N, C-alpha and C. Protein backbone atom coordinates (compact mmCIF):
# COMPACT_ATOMS: atom_id res chain seq x y z
N MET A 1 1.03 -6.98 -10.59
CA MET A 1 1.97 -5.95 -10.18
C MET A 1 1.62 -5.50 -8.78
N ARG A 2 2.61 -5.22 -7.99
CA ARG A 2 2.38 -4.80 -6.63
C ARG A 2 2.65 -3.33 -6.47
N GLN A 3 1.99 -2.75 -5.50
CA GLN A 3 2.21 -1.35 -5.20
C GLN A 3 2.98 -1.27 -3.88
N ASN A 4 3.78 -0.23 -3.71
CA ASN A 4 4.50 -0.03 -2.47
C ASN A 4 3.81 1.04 -1.65
N LYS A 5 3.81 0.83 -0.36
CA LYS A 5 3.23 1.80 0.55
C LYS A 5 4.19 1.93 1.72
N THR A 6 4.52 3.13 2.07
CA THR A 6 5.47 3.35 3.14
C THR A 6 4.83 3.07 4.48
N ARG A 7 5.51 2.24 5.28
CA ARG A 7 5.00 1.92 6.61
C ARG A 7 4.98 3.13 7.52
N ALA A 8 5.93 4.03 7.35
CA ALA A 8 6.02 5.19 8.23
C ALA A 8 4.74 6.02 8.16
N ALA A 9 4.08 6.02 7.02
CA ALA A 9 2.85 6.78 6.88
C ALA A 9 1.71 6.11 7.64
N GLN A 10 1.84 4.80 7.88
CA GLN A 10 0.78 4.06 8.55
C GLN A 10 0.95 4.03 10.06
N LYS A 11 2.18 4.12 10.56
CA LYS A 11 2.43 3.92 11.97
C LYS A 11 3.23 5.08 12.54
N SER A 12 3.08 5.26 13.82
CA SER A 12 3.91 6.25 14.49
C SER A 12 5.32 5.69 14.61
N PRO A 13 6.34 6.53 14.83
CA PRO A 13 7.71 6.04 14.95
C PRO A 13 7.87 4.99 16.04
N ALA A 14 7.11 5.09 17.12
CA ALA A 14 7.21 4.11 18.20
C ALA A 14 6.71 2.75 17.76
N GLN A 15 5.74 2.71 16.85
CA GLN A 15 5.18 1.46 16.38
C GLN A 15 6.00 0.87 15.24
N ASN A 16 6.80 1.66 14.57
CA ASN A 16 7.52 1.21 13.39
C ASN A 16 8.76 0.43 13.80
N THR A 17 8.58 -0.86 14.10
CA THR A 17 9.69 -1.68 14.54
C THR A 17 10.21 -2.57 13.42
N VAL A 18 9.58 -2.56 12.26
CA VAL A 18 10.00 -3.39 11.14
C VAL A 18 11.12 -2.67 10.40
N SER A 19 12.18 -3.41 10.07
CA SER A 19 13.32 -2.77 9.42
C SER A 19 13.04 -2.43 7.96
N GLU A 20 12.08 -3.07 7.36
CA GLU A 20 11.73 -2.82 5.96
C GLU A 20 10.99 -1.48 5.86
N SER A 21 11.45 -0.59 4.98
CA SER A 21 10.83 0.72 4.88
C SER A 21 9.60 0.71 3.98
N ASP A 22 9.51 -0.24 3.05
CA ASP A 22 8.35 -0.34 2.17
C ASP A 22 7.69 -1.69 2.35
N GLU A 23 6.39 -1.68 2.18
CA GLU A 23 5.62 -2.91 2.29
C GLU A 23 4.87 -3.07 0.98
N LYS A 24 4.85 -4.28 0.44
CA LYS A 24 4.16 -4.53 -0.82
C LYS A 24 2.69 -4.79 -0.53
N LEU A 25 1.83 -4.17 -1.32
CA LEU A 25 0.40 -4.33 -1.16
C LEU A 25 -0.20 -4.93 -2.42
N ALA A 26 -1.31 -5.62 -2.25
CA ALA A 26 -2.02 -6.19 -3.39
C ALA A 26 -2.57 -5.08 -4.26
N VAL A 27 -2.67 -5.35 -5.55
CA VAL A 27 -3.27 -4.39 -6.47
C VAL A 27 -4.74 -4.20 -6.11
N ALA A 28 -5.42 -5.30 -5.82
CA ALA A 28 -6.83 -5.26 -5.41
C ALA A 28 -7.14 -6.51 -4.61
N VAL A 29 -8.05 -6.38 -3.67
CA VAL A 29 -8.50 -7.53 -2.88
C VAL A 29 -10.02 -7.51 -2.86
N ASP A 30 -10.61 -8.60 -3.31
CA ASP A 30 -12.06 -8.72 -3.28
C ASP A 30 -12.51 -8.68 -1.82
N PRO A 31 -13.45 -7.79 -1.46
CA PRO A 31 -13.87 -7.67 -0.05
C PRO A 31 -14.43 -8.96 0.54
N GLU A 32 -15.16 -9.72 -0.26
CA GLU A 32 -15.70 -11.00 0.23
C GLU A 32 -14.58 -12.00 0.48
N LEU A 33 -13.61 -12.03 -0.41
CA LEU A 33 -12.47 -12.94 -0.24
C LEU A 33 -11.68 -12.55 1.01
N LYS A 34 -11.47 -11.26 1.21
CA LYS A 34 -10.74 -10.79 2.38
C LYS A 34 -11.47 -11.20 3.66
N ALA A 35 -12.77 -10.99 3.70
CA ALA A 35 -13.56 -11.35 4.87
C ALA A 35 -13.49 -12.86 5.13
N ALA A 36 -13.58 -13.64 4.07
CA ALA A 36 -13.50 -15.10 4.22
C ALA A 36 -12.13 -15.52 4.74
N ALA A 37 -11.08 -14.91 4.20
CA ALA A 37 -9.72 -15.26 4.64
C ALA A 37 -9.51 -14.89 6.10
N VAL A 38 -9.97 -13.72 6.50
CA VAL A 38 -9.81 -13.29 7.90
C VAL A 38 -10.59 -14.22 8.83
N ARG A 39 -11.82 -14.57 8.43
CA ARG A 39 -12.63 -15.50 9.24
C ARG A 39 -11.91 -16.83 9.41
N ARG A 40 -11.39 -17.36 8.31
CA ARG A 40 -10.68 -18.64 8.37
C ARG A 40 -9.42 -18.55 9.23
N LEU A 41 -8.68 -17.46 9.09
CA LEU A 41 -7.46 -17.31 9.87
C LEU A 41 -7.75 -17.18 11.36
N ARG A 42 -8.83 -16.54 11.71
CA ARG A 42 -9.22 -16.45 13.14
C ARG A 42 -9.58 -17.83 13.67
N ARG A 43 -10.28 -18.61 12.86
CA ARG A 43 -10.64 -19.96 13.26
C ARG A 43 -9.37 -20.81 13.43
N ILE A 44 -8.43 -20.65 12.51
CA ILE A 44 -7.17 -21.38 12.58
C ILE A 44 -6.40 -20.98 13.84
N ALA A 45 -6.39 -19.69 14.16
CA ALA A 45 -5.70 -19.23 15.38
C ALA A 45 -6.29 -19.91 16.60
N GLY A 46 -7.61 -20.07 16.62
CA GLY A 46 -8.27 -20.78 17.72
C GLY A 46 -7.85 -22.25 17.76
N GLN A 47 -7.74 -22.86 16.59
CA GLN A 47 -7.30 -24.26 16.53
C GLN A 47 -5.87 -24.40 17.06
N VAL A 48 -5.01 -23.45 16.72
CA VAL A 48 -3.62 -23.51 17.18
C VAL A 48 -3.57 -23.34 18.70
N ARG A 49 -4.38 -22.45 19.24
CA ARG A 49 -4.44 -22.32 20.70
C ARG A 49 -4.92 -23.63 21.33
N GLY A 50 -5.86 -24.29 20.68
CA GLY A 50 -6.32 -25.59 21.16
C GLY A 50 -5.22 -26.64 21.12
N LEU A 51 -4.41 -26.60 20.07
CA LEU A 51 -3.26 -27.51 19.98
C LEU A 51 -2.29 -27.27 21.13
N GLU A 52 -2.03 -26.02 21.40
CA GLU A 52 -1.13 -25.68 22.51
C GLU A 52 -1.65 -26.26 23.82
N SER A 53 -2.95 -26.13 24.02
CA SER A 53 -3.57 -26.66 25.22
C SER A 53 -3.47 -28.19 25.26
N MET A 54 -3.68 -28.82 24.12
CA MET A 54 -3.59 -30.29 24.06
C MET A 54 -2.19 -30.77 24.43
N VAL A 55 -1.18 -30.09 23.92
CA VAL A 55 0.21 -30.46 24.23
C VAL A 55 0.48 -30.23 25.71
N ASP A 56 0.03 -29.09 26.22
CA ASP A 56 0.23 -28.75 27.63
C ASP A 56 -0.42 -29.79 28.54
N GLN A 57 -1.57 -30.30 28.13
CA GLN A 57 -2.31 -31.29 28.92
C GLN A 57 -1.82 -32.71 28.67
N GLU A 58 -0.80 -32.85 27.81
CA GLU A 58 -0.22 -34.16 27.47
C GLU A 58 -1.27 -35.11 26.90
N ARG A 59 -2.08 -34.58 26.01
CA ARG A 59 -3.09 -35.41 25.36
C ARG A 59 -2.43 -36.44 24.46
N TYR A 60 -3.19 -37.41 24.03
CA TYR A 60 -2.72 -38.50 23.20
C TYR A 60 -2.14 -37.96 21.89
N CYS A 61 -0.92 -38.39 21.58
CA CYS A 61 -0.18 -37.85 20.42
C CYS A 61 -0.97 -37.96 19.12
N ALA A 62 -1.62 -39.08 18.89
CA ALA A 62 -2.36 -39.28 17.65
C ALA A 62 -3.48 -38.25 17.52
N ASP A 63 -4.14 -37.91 18.62
CA ASP A 63 -5.20 -36.90 18.59
C ASP A 63 -4.64 -35.53 18.22
N ILE A 64 -3.48 -35.21 18.77
CA ILE A 64 -2.83 -33.93 18.45
C ILE A 64 -2.45 -33.90 16.97
N LEU A 65 -1.90 -34.99 16.47
CA LEU A 65 -1.49 -35.05 15.06
C LEU A 65 -2.68 -34.89 14.12
N VAL A 66 -3.82 -35.44 14.48
CA VAL A 66 -5.02 -35.27 13.66
C VAL A 66 -5.41 -33.79 13.62
N GLN A 67 -5.33 -33.12 14.76
CA GLN A 67 -5.66 -31.70 14.80
C GLN A 67 -4.66 -30.85 14.02
N ILE A 68 -3.39 -31.24 14.07
CA ILE A 68 -2.37 -30.53 13.29
C ILE A 68 -2.68 -30.65 11.79
N ALA A 69 -3.07 -31.84 11.35
CA ALA A 69 -3.42 -32.05 9.95
C ALA A 69 -4.61 -31.17 9.56
N SER A 70 -5.54 -31.01 10.48
CA SER A 70 -6.71 -30.16 10.23
C SER A 70 -6.30 -28.70 10.05
N VAL A 71 -5.38 -28.23 10.89
CA VAL A 71 -4.89 -26.85 10.78
C VAL A 71 -4.14 -26.66 9.46
N GLN A 72 -3.33 -27.64 9.10
CA GLN A 72 -2.58 -27.53 7.84
C GLN A 72 -3.52 -27.45 6.64
N GLU A 73 -4.59 -28.24 6.65
CA GLU A 73 -5.56 -28.20 5.55
C GLU A 73 -6.30 -26.86 5.53
N ALA A 74 -6.61 -26.34 6.69
CA ALA A 74 -7.28 -25.04 6.76
C ALA A 74 -6.36 -23.94 6.21
N LEU A 75 -5.08 -24.01 6.51
CA LEU A 75 -4.13 -23.03 5.96
C LEU A 75 -4.01 -23.17 4.45
N ARG A 76 -4.05 -24.40 3.96
CA ARG A 76 -4.03 -24.59 2.50
C ARG A 76 -5.25 -23.95 1.86
N GLY A 77 -6.39 -24.01 2.53
CA GLY A 77 -7.61 -23.38 2.01
C GLY A 77 -7.46 -21.87 1.91
N VAL A 78 -6.89 -21.25 2.92
CA VAL A 78 -6.64 -19.80 2.88
C VAL A 78 -5.65 -19.49 1.77
N SER A 79 -4.65 -20.33 1.64
CA SER A 79 -3.65 -20.15 0.58
C SER A 79 -4.29 -20.16 -0.80
N ARG A 80 -5.22 -21.07 -1.02
CA ARG A 80 -5.92 -21.14 -2.31
C ARG A 80 -6.72 -19.86 -2.57
N LEU A 81 -7.39 -19.36 -1.55
CA LEU A 81 -8.14 -18.11 -1.70
C LEU A 81 -7.22 -16.97 -2.11
N LEU A 82 -6.10 -16.84 -1.41
CA LEU A 82 -5.18 -15.74 -1.69
C LEU A 82 -4.48 -15.91 -3.03
N MET A 83 -4.19 -17.15 -3.41
CA MET A 83 -3.57 -17.40 -4.71
C MET A 83 -4.53 -16.99 -5.82
N ARG A 84 -5.80 -17.29 -5.65
CA ARG A 84 -6.78 -16.90 -6.66
C ARG A 84 -6.83 -15.37 -6.81
N ASN A 85 -6.84 -14.67 -5.68
CA ASN A 85 -6.85 -13.21 -5.73
C ASN A 85 -5.59 -12.70 -6.41
N HIS A 86 -4.45 -13.28 -6.09
CA HIS A 86 -3.19 -12.85 -6.68
C HIS A 86 -3.22 -13.04 -8.20
N LEU A 87 -3.74 -14.17 -8.63
CA LEU A 87 -3.82 -14.44 -10.07
C LEU A 87 -4.80 -13.50 -10.77
N GLU A 88 -5.97 -13.29 -10.14
CA GLU A 88 -7.00 -12.46 -10.77
C GLU A 88 -6.61 -10.99 -10.85
N HIS A 89 -5.87 -10.50 -9.89
CA HIS A 89 -5.59 -9.08 -9.84
C HIS A 89 -4.12 -8.75 -10.12
N CYS A 90 -3.25 -9.13 -9.20
CA CYS A 90 -1.84 -8.74 -9.29
C CYS A 90 -1.16 -9.31 -10.53
N ALA A 91 -1.30 -10.62 -10.72
CA ALA A 91 -0.63 -11.26 -11.86
C ALA A 91 -1.23 -10.79 -13.18
N THR A 92 -2.54 -10.69 -13.25
CA THR A 92 -3.19 -10.25 -14.48
C THR A 92 -2.71 -8.87 -14.89
N MET A 93 -2.64 -7.95 -13.94
CA MET A 93 -2.21 -6.59 -14.27
C MET A 93 -0.74 -6.58 -14.73
N ALA A 94 0.11 -7.29 -14.03
CA ALA A 94 1.53 -7.30 -14.39
C ALA A 94 1.74 -7.91 -15.78
N ILE A 95 1.04 -8.97 -16.07
CA ILE A 95 1.20 -9.63 -17.37
C ILE A 95 0.64 -8.76 -18.49
N ARG A 96 -0.49 -8.10 -18.23
CA ARG A 96 -1.04 -7.19 -19.24
C ARG A 96 -0.11 -6.02 -19.52
N ASN A 97 0.60 -5.55 -18.50
CA ASN A 97 1.55 -4.45 -18.68
C ASN A 97 2.75 -4.88 -19.51
N GLY A 98 3.06 -6.17 -19.49
CA GLY A 98 4.16 -6.69 -20.30
C GLY A 98 5.53 -6.28 -19.78
N GLY A 99 6.53 -6.54 -20.60
CA GLY A 99 7.90 -6.14 -20.28
C GLY A 99 8.46 -6.76 -19.03
N ASP A 100 9.23 -5.96 -18.29
CA ASP A 100 9.89 -6.44 -17.08
C ASP A 100 8.91 -6.86 -16.01
N SER A 101 7.78 -6.16 -15.89
CA SER A 101 6.82 -6.53 -14.85
C SER A 101 6.20 -7.90 -15.14
N ALA A 102 5.97 -8.21 -16.41
CA ALA A 102 5.44 -9.52 -16.77
C ALA A 102 6.47 -10.61 -16.49
N ASN A 103 7.70 -10.37 -16.88
CA ASN A 103 8.75 -11.36 -16.64
C ASN A 103 8.96 -11.61 -15.15
N ALA A 104 8.93 -10.54 -14.35
CA ALA A 104 9.08 -10.69 -12.90
C ALA A 104 7.90 -11.48 -12.33
N MET A 105 6.71 -11.23 -12.85
CA MET A 105 5.53 -11.94 -12.36
C MET A 105 5.59 -13.42 -12.73
N TYR A 106 6.04 -13.74 -13.94
CA TYR A 106 6.19 -15.16 -14.31
C TYR A 106 7.14 -15.85 -13.34
N ASP A 107 8.26 -15.20 -13.02
CA ASP A 107 9.21 -15.78 -12.06
C ASP A 107 8.57 -15.96 -10.69
N GLU A 108 7.83 -14.95 -10.26
CA GLU A 108 7.17 -15.03 -8.95
C GLU A 108 6.15 -16.16 -8.92
N LEU A 109 5.36 -16.28 -9.98
CA LEU A 109 4.35 -17.34 -10.04
C LEU A 109 4.97 -18.72 -10.03
N LEU A 110 6.05 -18.89 -10.79
CA LEU A 110 6.73 -20.19 -10.77
C LEU A 110 7.24 -20.52 -9.38
N ASP A 111 7.82 -19.53 -8.71
CA ASP A 111 8.31 -19.73 -7.35
C ASP A 111 7.16 -20.13 -6.42
N LEU A 112 6.02 -19.44 -6.53
CA LEU A 112 4.87 -19.77 -5.69
C LEU A 112 4.36 -21.18 -5.96
N VAL A 113 4.29 -21.56 -7.23
CA VAL A 113 3.83 -22.91 -7.57
C VAL A 113 4.75 -23.95 -6.97
N TYR A 114 6.06 -23.76 -7.11
CA TYR A 114 7.00 -24.73 -6.54
C TYR A 114 6.92 -24.79 -5.03
N ARG A 115 6.75 -23.65 -4.38
CA ARG A 115 6.64 -23.63 -2.91
C ARG A 115 5.39 -24.35 -2.44
N HIS A 116 4.29 -24.20 -3.16
CA HIS A 116 3.04 -24.79 -2.73
C HIS A 116 2.85 -26.22 -3.20
N ALA A 117 3.72 -26.70 -4.05
CA ALA A 117 3.62 -28.06 -4.53
C ALA A 117 4.28 -29.06 -3.57
N ARG A 118 4.93 -28.56 -2.56
CA ARG A 118 5.62 -29.44 -1.60
C ARG A 118 4.67 -30.22 -0.77
């Protein structure tokens, strides 16, 4: 189950450029998992900047493609971490609550599985 948190409470009106008034938050996030995900995402951001540089320098296409595959695998790794957290916390709570929240979570999980199976 997800909790809603109003963005307006988090940002000043000048910073609030997102049209969505509510943002969905995780029920719980393991601090170690969060730190690992942030570390990996920062590393991936560096890899993407490197890719941009490689393209700008007109490096050999095959070398760029190998690096792109590396970034994609790194993103899949972050995805697995976050999926585990979602299953352990958000999905578990929604399913335990039963009713409409459980049914909505089953639909959400099926959608996630199909999206990630591509």
